[in-house]
C-alpha atoms as a PDB file:
ATOM      1  CA  MET A   1      -7.088 -25.966 -14.492  1.00  0.00           C
ATOM      2  CA  TYR A   2      -4.583 -23.128 -12.796  1.00  0.00           C
ATOM      3  CA  LEU A   3      -2.097 -20.626 -14.027  1.00  0.00           C
ATOM      4  CA  LYS A   4       0.854 -19.902 -11.794  1.00  0.00           C
ATOM      5  CA  ALA A   5       3.553 -17.180 -11.569  1.00  0.00           C
ATOM      6  CA  SER A   6       6.571 -17.387  -9.392  1.00  0.00           C
ATOM      7  CA  ASN A   7       9.315 -15.697  -8.897  1.00  0.00           C
ATOM      8  CA  HIS A   8      12.900 -16.288  -6.837  1.00  0.00           C
ATOM      9  CA  CYS A   9      14.891 -12.906  -6.631  1.00  0.00           C
ATOM     10  CA  LEU A  10      18.564 -12.764  -5.711  1.00  0.00           C
ATOM     11  CA  GLY A  11      17.915  -8.966  -4.938  1.00  0.00           C
ATOM     12  CA  ILE A  12      17.011  -6.104  -7.317  1.00  0.00           C
ATOM     13  CA  VAL A  13      18.605  -2.344  -7.707  1.00  0.00           C
ATOM     14  CA  ALA A  14      16.322  -0.314 -10.283  1.00  0.00           C
ATOM     15  CA  ALA A  15      17.182   3.294 -10.810  1.00  0.00           C
ATOM     16  CA  ALA A  16      16.507   6.196 -13.007  1.00  0.00           C
ATOM     17  CA  ILE A  17      17.483   9.865 -12.888  1.00  0.00           C
ATOM     18  CA  GLY A  18      15.776  12.359 -14.921  1.00  0.00           C
ATOM     19  CA  TYR A  19      12.767  14.363 -16.287  1.00  0.00           C
ATOM     20  CA  LYS A  20       9.894  11.932 -16.540  1.00  0.00           C
ATOM     21  CA  SER A  21      12.072   9.058 -14.517  1.00  0.00           C
ATOM     22  CA  THR A  22      10.297   6.067 -12.843  1.00  0.00           C
ATOM     23  CA  ALA A  23      11.958   2.772 -11.748  1.00  0.00           C
ATOM     24  CA  ASN A  24       9.988  -0.150 -11.293  1.00  0.00           C
ATOM     25  CA  PHE A  25      10.376  -3.658 -10.367  1.00  0.00           C
ATOM     26  CA  SER A  26       7.472  -6.128 -10.491  1.00  0.00           C
ATOM     27  CA  ALA A  27       7.639 -10.062  -9.679  1.00  0.00           C
ATOM     28  CA  ALA A  28       5.037 -12.850  -9.681  1.00  0.00           C
ATOM     29  CA  SER A  29       2.359 -10.517 -10.645  1.00  0.00           C
ATOM     30  CA  GLY A  30      -0.998 -11.306 -12.881  1.00  0.00           C
ATOM     31  CA  GLN A  31      -1.215  -8.046 -14.912  1.00  0.00           C
ATOM     32  CA  ASN A  32      -3.922  -8.284 -17.719  1.00  0.00           C
ATOM     33  CA  VAL A  33      -4.137 -11.931 -17.332  1.00  0.00           C
ATOM     34  CA  THR A  34      -7.456 -13.848 -17.935  1.00  0.00           C
ATOM     35  CA  SER A  35      -7.626 -17.351 -16.972  1.00  0.00           C
ATOM     36  CA  GLY A  36     -10.991 -19.457 -16.089  1.00  0.00           C
ATOM     37  CA  GLY A  37      -9.018 -21.188 -13.485  1.00  0.00           C
ATOM     38  CA  ASN A  38      -6.998 -20.301 -10.465  1.00  0.00           C
ATOM     39  CA  VAL A  39      -4.349 -18.315 -10.234  1.00  0.00           C
ATOM     40  CA  LYS A  40      -1.664 -18.857  -8.248  1.00  0.00           C
ATOM     41  CA  LEU A  41       0.985 -15.790  -7.348  1.00  0.00           C
ATOM     42  CA  HIS A  42       3.950 -17.062  -5.370  1.00  0.00           C
ATOM     43  CA  ALA A  43       7.022 -14.806  -4.830  1.00  0.00           C
ATOM     44  CA  ILE A  44      10.607 -15.194  -2.750  1.00  0.00           C
ATOM     45  CA  ALA A  45      11.877 -11.795  -2.802  1.00  0.00           C
ATOM     46  CA  PRO A  46      15.013 -11.164  -0.575  1.00  0.00           C
ATOM     47  CA  GLY A  47      15.141  -7.535  -1.004  1.00  0.00           C
ATOM     48  CA  ALA A  48      14.752  -4.736  -3.932  1.00  0.00           C
ATOM     49  CA  ILE A  49      15.826  -1.222  -4.038  1.00  0.00           C
ATOM     50  CA  VAL A  50      14.045   0.884  -6.355  1.00  0.00           C
ATOM     51  CA  ALA A  51      15.135   4.678  -6.893  1.00  0.00           C
ATOM     52  CA  SER A  52      14.337   7.465  -9.190  1.00  0.00           C
ATOM     53  CA  ILE A  53      15.216  11.130  -8.637  1.00  0.00           C
ATOM     54  CA  GLY A  54      14.169  13.872 -10.607  1.00  0.00           C
ATOM     55  CA  SER A  55      11.068  15.803 -12.350  1.00  0.00           C
ATOM     56  CA  ASN A  56       8.361  13.474 -12.548  1.00  0.00           C
ATOM     57  CA  THR A  57       9.821  10.791 -10.773  1.00  0.00           C
ATOM     58  CA  SER A  58       8.400   7.927  -9.532  1.00  0.00           C
ATOM     59  CA  ALA A  59       9.628   4.214  -8.016  1.00  0.00           C
ATOM     60  CA  THR A  60       7.512   1.201  -7.420  1.00  0.00           C
ATOM     61  CA  THR A  61       7.586  -2.246  -6.615  1.00  0.00           C
ATOM     62  CA  LEU A  62       4.868  -5.076  -7.594  1.00  0.00           C
ATOM     63  CA  LEU A  63       4.711  -8.392  -6.023  1.00  0.00           C
ATOM     64  CA  ALA A  64       2.183 -11.058  -6.174  1.00  0.00           C
ATOM     65  CA  SER A  65      -0.322  -8.817  -6.919  1.00  0.00           C
ATOM     66  CA  ALA A  66      -3.268  -8.461  -9.410  1.00  0.00           C
ATOM     67  CA  THR A  67      -3.846  -5.849 -11.791  1.00  0.00           C
ATOM     68  CA  GLY A  68      -6.217  -5.623 -14.670  1.00  0.00           C
ATOM     69  CA  ALA A  69      -7.170  -9.380 -14.551  1.00  0.00           C
ATOM     70  CA  SER A  70      -9.601 -12.200 -13.884  1.00  0.00           C
ATOM     71  CA  ALA A  71      -9.806 -15.616 -12.408  1.00  0.00           C
ATOM     72  CA  SER A  72     -11.966 -17.926 -10.475  1.00  0.00           C
ATOM     73  CA  SER A  73      -9.749 -17.990  -7.659  1.00  0.00           C
ATOM     74  CA  ILE A  74      -6.075 -16.123  -6.299  1.00  0.00           C
ATOM     75  CA  ASP A  75      -3.717 -17.794  -4.341  1.00  0.00           C
ATOM     76  CA  VAL A  76      -1.014 -15.492  -3.030  1.00  0.00           C
ATOM     77  CA  SER A  77       2.403 -16.395  -0.875  1.00  0.00           C
ATOM     78  CA  VAL A  78       5.064 -13.901  -0.334  1.00  0.00           C
ATOM     79  CA  THR A  79       8.014 -14.583   1.672  1.00  0.00           C
ATOM     80  CA  GLY A  80      10.754 -11.214   1.920  1.00  0.00           C
ATOM     81  CA  LEU A  81      12.930 -11.435   4.542  1.00  0.00           C
ATOM     82  CA  LEU A  82      15.401  -8.392   3.519  1.00  0.00           C
ATOM     83  CA  PRO A  83      13.760  -4.632   2.926  1.00  0.00           C
ATOM     84  CA  SER A  84      11.912  -3.659   0.012  1.00  0.00           C
ATOM     85  CA  ILE A  85      12.672   0.177  -0.405  1.00  0.00           C
ATOM     86  CA  ALA A  86      11.252   2.827  -2.694  1.00  0.00           C
ATOM     87  CA  ALA A  87      12.939   6.097  -2.845  1.00  0.00           C
ATOM     88  CA  ALA A  88      11.597   8.697  -5.159  1.00  0.00           C
ATOM     89  CA  ILE A  89      13.387  12.521  -4.523  1.00  0.00           C
ATOM     90  CA  GLY A  90      12.172  15.451  -6.550  1.00  0.00           C
ATOM     91  CA  VAL A  91       9.297  17.400  -8.016  1.00  0.00           C
ATOM     92  CA  ASN A  92       6.142  15.357  -8.603  1.00  0.00           C
ATOM     93  CA  SER A  93       7.597  12.445  -6.783  1.00  0.00           C
ATOM     94  CA  SER A  94       5.929   9.409  -5.126  1.00  0.00           C
ATOM     95  CA  ALA A  95       7.513   5.858  -3.972  1.00  0.00           C
ATOM     96  CA  HIS A  96       5.221   3.035  -3.502  1.00  0.00           C
ATOM     97  CA  ASN A  97       5.600  -0.389  -2.421  1.00  0.00           C
ATOM     98  CA  ARG A  98       2.681  -3.197  -3.194  1.00  0.00           C
ATOM     99  CA  VAL A  99       3.108  -6.198  -1.592  1.00  0.00           C
ATOM    100  CA  GLY A 100       0.041  -9.073  -2.252  1.00  0.00           C
ATOM    101  CA  VAL A 101      -2.514  -6.265  -3.519  1.00  0.00           C
ATOM    102  CA  LEU A 102      -5.640  -6.699  -5.566  1.00  0.00           C
ATOM    103  CA  ARG A 103      -6.267  -3.553  -7.500  1.00  0.00           C
ATOM    104  CA  GLU A 104      -9.176  -2.153  -9.155  1.00  0.00           C
ATOM    105  CA  ASN A 105     -10.126  -3.919 -12.365  1.00  0.00           C
ATOM    106  CA  VAL A 106      -9.701  -7.031 -11.238  1.00  0.00           C
ATOM    107  CA  ALA A 107     -12.701  -9.945 -11.068  1.00  0.00           C
ATOM    108  CA  VAL A 108     -12.131 -12.732  -8.727  1.00  0.00           C
ATOM    109  CA  GLY A 109     -15.239 -15.430  -9.027  1.00  0.00           C
ATOM    110  CA  GLY A 110     -14.065 -17.070  -6.014  1.00  0.00           C
ATOM    111  CA  GLU A 111     -11.652 -17.077  -3.187  1.00  0.00           C
ATOM    112  CA  TRP A 112      -8.540 -14.670  -2.428  1.00  0.00           C
ATOM    113  CA  GLN A 113      -6.351 -16.359  -0.324  1.00  0.00           C
ATOM    114  CA  ALA A 114      -2.774 -14.776   0.980  1.00  0.00           C
ATOM    115  CA  ASN A 115      -0.162 -15.676   3.224  1.00  0.00           C
ATOM    116  CA  MET A 116       2.801 -13.392   3.320  1.00  0.00           C
ATOM    117  CA  ILE A 117       5.541 -12.649   5.480  1.00  0.00           C
ATOM    118  CA  TYR A 118       7.854  -9.530   5.024  1.00  0.00           C
ATOM    119  CA  GLY A 119      10.820  -8.045   6.864  1.00  0.00           C
ATOM    120  CA  GLN A 120      10.676  -4.436   6.088  1.00  0.00           C
ATOM    121  CA  LEU A 121       8.755  -2.018   3.416  1.00  0.00           C
ATOM    122  CA  THR A 122      10.176   1.404   3.487  1.00  0.00           C
ATOM    123  CA  ALA A 123       8.663   3.995   0.928  1.00  0.00           C
ATOM    124  CA  PHE A 124      10.318   7.311   1.036  1.00  0.00           C
ATOM    125  CA  SER A 125       9.871  10.541  -1.050  1.00  0.00           C
ATOM    126  CA  LEU A 126      11.495  13.841  -0.738  1.00  0.00           C
ATOM    127  CA  GLY A 127      10.259  16.978  -2.214  1.00  0.00           C
ATOM    128  CA  SER A 128       7.233  18.743  -4.261  1.00  0.00           C
ATOM    129  CA  ASN A 129       4.344  16.804  -4.432  1.00  0.00           C
ATOM    130  CA  ALA A 130       6.082  13.792  -2.380  1.00  0.00           C
ATOM    131  CA  HIS A 131       3.422  11.188  -1.397  1.00  0.00           C
ATOM    132  CA  ALA A 132       4.727   7.253  -0.005  1.00  0.00           C
ATOM    133  CA  LEU A 133       2.696   4.722  -0.057  1.00  0.00           C
ATOM    134  CA  ASN A 134       3.340   0.836   1.556  1.00  0.00           C
ATOM    135  CA  GLU A 135       0.596  -1.523   0.738  1.00  0.00           C
ATOM    136  CA  ILE A 136       0.426  -5.112   1.612  1.00  0.00           C
ATOM    137  CA  GLY A 137      -2.708  -7.526   1.358  1.00  0.00           C
ATOM    138  CA  VAL A 138      -4.691  -4.571   0.439  1.00  0.00           C
ATOM    139  CA  ILE A 139      -7.950  -5.493  -1.563  1.00  0.00           C
ATOM    140  CA  SER A 140      -9.418  -3.102  -3.908  1.00  0.00           C
ATOM    141  CA  ALA A 141     -11.447  -5.051  -6.299  1.00  0.00           C
ATOM    142  CA  ASN A 142     -14.601  -7.199  -5.976  1.00  0.00           C
ATOM    143  CA  VAL A 143     -14.319 -10.764  -4.677  1.00  0.00           C
ATOM    144  CA  SER A 144     -17.271 -13.346  -5.043  1.00  0.00           C
ATOM    145  CA  GLY A 145     -15.914 -15.554  -2.440  1.00  0.00           C
ATOM    146  CA  ASP A 146     -13.854 -15.424   1.022  1.00  0.00           C
ATOM    147  CA  ILE A 147     -11.215 -13.479   1.692  1.00  0.00           C
ATOM    148  CA  LYS A 148      -8.649 -15.181   3.959  1.00  0.00           C
ATOM    149  CA  GLN A 149      -5.454 -13.458   4.658  1.00  0.00           C
ATOM    150  CA  LYS A 150      -2.273 -13.694   6.918  1.00  0.00           C
ATOM    151  CA  ILE A 151       0.287 -11.176   7.067  1.00  0.00           C
ATOM    152  CA  VAL A 152       3.472 -10.778   9.074  1.00  0.00           C
ATOM    153  CA  VAL A 153       5.417  -7.891   8.868  1.00  0.00           C
ATOM    154  CA  GLY A 154       8.942  -6.641  10.391  1.00  0.00           C
ATOM    155  CA  ALA A 155       8.757  -2.864  10.350  1.00  0.00           C
ATOM    156  CA  MET A 156       7.126  -0.349   7.838  1.00  0.00           C
ATOM    157  CA  LEU A 157       8.023   2.960   7.308  1.00  0.00           C
ATOM    158  CA  ALA A 158       6.026   5.643   4.737  1.00  0.00           C
ATOM    159  CA  GLY A 159       8.032   8.882   4.833  1.00  0.00           C
ATOM    160  CA  THR A 160       8.015  11.939   2.615  1.00  0.00           C
ATOM    161  CA  LEU A 161       9.298  15.535   3.563  1.00  0.00           C
ATOM    162  CA  GLY A 162       8.132  18.460   1.498  1.00  0.00           C
ATOM    163  CA  SER A 163       5.576  20.558  -0.238  1.00  0.00           C
ATOM    164  CA  ASN A 164       2.154  18.584  -0.441  1.00  0.00           C
ATOM    165  CA  THR A 165       3.418  15.562   0.891  1.00  0.00           C
ATOM    166  CA  GLU A 166       1.178  12.576   2.446  1.00  0.00           C
ATOM    167  CA  ALA A 167       2.723   9.204   3.919  1.00  0.00           C
ATOM    168  CA  THR A 168       0.463   6.261   3.829  1.00  0.00           C
ATOM    169  CA  ASN A 169       0.641   2.585   5.351  1.00  0.00           C
ATOM    170  CA  LYS A 170      -2.072   0.248   4.604  1.00  0.00           C
ATOM    171  CA  VAL A 171      -1.974  -3.533   5.781  1.00  0.00           C
ATOM    172  CA  GLY A 172      -4.820  -5.888   5.164  1.00  0.00           C
ATOM    173  CA  ASN A 173      -7.288  -3.193   4.286  1.00  0.00           C
ATOM    174  CA  VAL A 174     -10.534  -4.611   2.500  1.00  0.00           C
ATOM    175  CA  GLU A 175     -11.951  -1.787   0.414  1.00  0.00           C
ATOM    176  CA  ALA A 176     -14.323  -3.258  -2.204  1.00  0.00           C
ATOM    177  CA  ARG A 177     -17.375  -5.628  -2.021  1.00  0.00           C
ATOM    178  CA  VAL A 178     -16.872  -8.930  -0.883  1.00  0.00           C
ATOM    179  CA  ASN A 179     -19.797 -11.455  -1.049  1.00  0.00           C
ATOM    180  CA  GLY A 180     -18.030 -14.185   1.243  1.00  0.00           C
ATOM    181  CA  ASN A 181     -16.514 -14.040   4.571  1.00  0.00           C
ATOM    182  CA  VAL A 182     -13.712 -12.024   5.403  1.00  0.00           C
ATOM    183  CA  THR A 183     -10.627 -13.554   7.920  1.00  0.00           C
ATOM    184  CA  THR A 184      -7.546 -11.351   8.293  1.00  0.00           C
ATOM    185  CA  ASN A 185      -4.784 -12.400  10.328  1.00  0.00           C
ATOM    186  CA  ILE A 186      -1.928  -9.673  11.127  1.00  0.00           C
ATOM    187  CA  ASN A 187       1.182  -9.152  13.108  1.00  0.00           C
ATOM    188  CA  ILE A 188       3.258  -6.312  12.907  1.00  0.00           C
ATOM    189  CA  LEU A 189       6.371  -5.230  14.723  1.00  0.00           C
ATOM    190  CA  ASP A 190       6.431  -1.807  14.151  1.00  0.00           C
ATOM    191  CA  VAL A 191       4.649   1.155  11.974  1.00  0.00           C
ATOM    192  CA  ASN A 192       6.229   4.280  11.027  1.00  0.00           C
ATOM    193  CA  THR A 193       3.971   7.041   9.201  1.00  0.00           C
ATOM    194  CA  LEU A 194       5.484  10.180   8.860  1.00  0.00           C
ATOM    195  CA  SER A 195       5.214  13.500   6.471  1.00  0.00           C
ATOM    196  CA  LEU A 196       6.472  16.953   7.429  1.00  0.00           C
ATOM    197  CA  GLY A 197       5.114  19.980   5.490  1.00  0.00           C
ATOM    198  CA  LEU A 198       4.553  22.844   3.435  1.00  0.00           C
ATOM    199  CA  THR A 199       2.032  23.388   0.733  1.00  0.00           C
ATOM    200  CA  SER A 200       1.346  27.032  -0.487  1.00  0.00           C
ATOM    201  CA  GLY A 201      -1.253  28.138  -2.557  1.00  0.00           C
ATOM    202  CA  VAL A 202      -3.332  25.288  -1.133  1.00  0.00           C
ATOM    203  CA  HIS A 203      -5.372  22.304  -2.211  1.00  0.00           C
ATOM    204  CA  LYS A 204      -4.741  20.796   1.218  1.00  0.00           C
ATOM    205  CA  LYS A 205      -2.737  17.751   2.159  1.00  0.00           C
ATOM    206  CA  ILE A 206       0.258  16.917   4.321  1.00  0.00           C
ATOM    207  CA  TYR A 207      -0.954  13.977   5.935  1.00  0.00           C
ATOM    208  CA  ALA A 208       0.029  10.703   7.443  1.00  0.00           C
ATOM    209  CA  ARG A 209      -2.428   7.738   7.271  1.00  0.00           C
ATOM    210  CA  THR A 210      -1.942   4.357   9.203  1.00  0.00           C
ATOM    211  CA  LEU A 211      -4.791   1.711   8.094  1.00  0.00           C
ATOM    212  CA  ILE A 212      -4.347  -1.470   9.393  1.00  0.00           C
ATOM    213  CA  GLY A 213      -6.992  -4.475   9.356  1.00  0.00           C
ATOM    214  CA  ASN A 214      -9.960  -2.255   8.230  1.00  0.00           C
ATOM    215  CA  VAL A 215     -12.927  -3.646   6.147  1.00  0.00           C
ATOM    216  CA  PHE A 216     -14.577  -0.441   4.545  1.00  0.00           C
ATOM    217  CA  PRO A 217     -18.089  -0.341   3.286  1.00  0.00           C
ATOM    218  CA  SER A 218     -18.276  -0.496  -0.421  1.00  0.00           C
ATOM    219  CA  ASN A 219     -19.874   2.089  -2.800  1.00  0.00           C
ATOM    220  CA  SER A 220     -21.507  -0.920  -4.629  1.00  0.00           C
ATOM    221  CA  GLY A 221     -23.234  -2.160  -1.815  1.00  0.00           C
ATOM    222  CA  SER A 222     -21.033  -4.824   0.189  1.00  0.00           C
ATOM    223  CA  ALA A 223     -22.713  -7.959   1.363  1.00  0.00           C
ATOM    224  CA  TYR A 224     -19.996  -9.358   3.400  1.00  0.00           C
ATOM    225  CA  GLY A 225     -20.558 -12.461   5.486  1.00  0.00           C
ATOM    226  CA  THR A 226     -18.818 -12.939   9.004  1.00  0.00           C
ATOM    227  CA  ILE A 227     -15.934 -10.666   9.403  1.00  0.00           C
ATOM    228  CA  LYS A 228     -12.996 -11.879  11.714  1.00  0.00           C
ATOM    229  CA  LYS A 229      -9.973  -9.817  12.523  1.00  0.00           C
ATOM    230  CA  ASP A 230      -6.887 -10.862  14.900  1.00  0.00           C
ATOM    231  CA  ILE A 231      -4.349  -8.198  14.536  1.00  0.00           C
ATOM    232  CA  THR A 232      -1.415  -8.171  16.856  1.00  0.00           C
ATOM    233  CA  ILE A 233       1.099  -4.792  16.880  1.00  0.00           C
ATOM    234  CA  THR A 234       3.925  -5.293  19.119  1.00  0.00           C
ATOM    235  CA  GLY A 235       5.962  -2.368  18.814  1.00  0.00           C
ATOM    236  CA  PRO A 236       5.038   1.290  18.626  1.00  0.00           C
ATOM    237  CA  ILE A 237       2.937   2.831  16.092  1.00  0.00           C
ATOM    238  CA  VAL A 238       4.175   6.531  15.205  1.00  0.00           C
ATOM    239  CA  ASN A 239       1.867   8.783  12.926  1.00  0.00           C
ATOM    240  CA  LEU A 240       3.197  11.931  12.589  1.00  0.00           C
ATOM    241  CA  GLY A 241       1.877  14.221   9.822  1.00  0.00           C
ATOM    242  CA  ILE A 242       2.934  17.921  10.994  1.00  0.00           C
ATOM    243  CA  GLY A 243       2.216  20.853   8.278  1.00  0.00           C
ATOM    244  CA  LEU A 244       2.327  24.512   7.683  1.00  0.00           C
ATOM    245  CA  ILE A 245      -0.213  25.219   4.610  1.00  0.00           C
ATOM    246  CA  ILE A 246      -0.227  29.306   3.672  1.00  0.00           C
ATOM    247  CA  ASP A 247      -2.200  31.280   1.039  1.00  0.00           C
ATOM    248  CA  LEU A 248      -3.264  34.033   2.976  1.00  0.00           C
ATOM    249  CA  GLY A 249      -4.670  35.741  -0.202  1.00  0.00           C
ATOM    250  CA  PHE A 250      -6.872  38.082   1.722  1.00  0.00           C
ATOM    251  CA  LEU A 251      -6.022  36.778   4.776  1.00  0.00           C
ATOM    252  CA  GLY A 252      -7.124  33.125   3.779  1.00  0.00           C
ATOM    253  CA  PRO A 253      -5.909  30.051   5.096  1.00  0.00           C
ATOM    254  CA  LEU A 254      -2.897  29.807   7.033  1.00  0.00           C
ATOM    255  CA  ASP A 255      -3.832  26.564   9.017  1.00  0.00           C
ATOM    256  CA  LEU A 256      -0.432  25.129  10.451  1.00  0.00           C
ATOM    257  CA  SER A 257      -2.024  21.838  10.181  1.00  0.00           C
ATOM    258  CA  SER A 258      -1.928  18.585  12.635  1.00  0.00           C
ATOM    259  CA  ALA A 259      -1.054  14.846  12.967  1.00  0.00           C
ATOM    260  CA  GLY A 260      -2.876  12.592  10.563  1.00  0.00           C
ATOM    261  CA  CYS A 261      -4.990   9.710  10.958  1.00  0.00           C
ATOM    262  CA  VAL A 262      -5.164   6.123  12.497  1.00  0.00           C
ATOM    263  CA  ASN A 263      -7.590   3.546  11.489  1.00  0.00           C
ATOM    264  CA  ILE A 264      -6.769  -0.312  12.948  1.00  0.00           C
ATOM    265  CA  GLY A 265      -9.682  -2.925  12.757  1.00  0.00           C
ATOM    266  CA  ASN A 266     -12.002  -0.213  11.746  1.00  0.00           C
ATOM    267  CA  ASN A 267     -11.431   1.738  15.269  1.00  0.00           C
ATOM    268  CA  GLY A 268      -9.215   5.047  15.744  1.00  0.00           C
ATOM    269  CA  ALA A 269      -8.791   8.086  17.640  1.00  0.00           C
ATOM    270  CA  ASN A 270      -8.508  10.091  14.723  1.00  0.00           C
ATOM    271  CA  PRO A 271     -10.258   7.949  11.871  1.00  0.00           C
ATOM    272  CA  CYS A 272      -9.265   8.208   8.372  1.00  0.00           C
ATOM    273  CA  ASN A 273     -11.776   9.590   6.045  1.00  0.00           C
END
């Protein structure tokens, strides 16, 4: 027995303008699905522009992903040759592309297998709390069997601009407990993770995180089998950050900040926390 969610899109535009805003696009995703059998999440997505403009904002895309679900095994297939663009402009902002991700509160009793090709993922935000996050093939829930992923991405851009900012690109990371083997094959043309600056009363931030093909230890005591990672990045990796950070109450912080962090295959000159 299996459950199949599939989607063929001809181009999507979602927009929202004001106060609590949001603009969301979801396709071939298992949300709040419970199945004793296999679940197949297959999407052909030739392009999406998801925009939001002001006050609480948002702008998210969710493709062939599982959230709040359980299944014996999950098989993911995504083909998207045109860009997926998530924009959000001002105040509490955000901008989030999620492709083939396994979120928290998902139980996979067997294998997670994913084969994904995507032309371009762009998440851009602009002002106040900002954010901007691209995720493809990110596992954040426990898997009882093996994880097998093949990921091909043309270009990734995570933007943001001003106030507390951030900017994160994540590709093929395993962030939760896995009882089986992890096999990851990643090919990327180029990765651009920007951010820019400000903050003021300081609860730090301003950042730029590039995380590719990492298998992170789990708080619940991971029991990984064999881990195989094959990661190819053809073009440049631009990981910016920058900053300012002020306060100066009783001549406190100032900071002026610096670049963010890069972790590729659990290695990096400036590792991410």
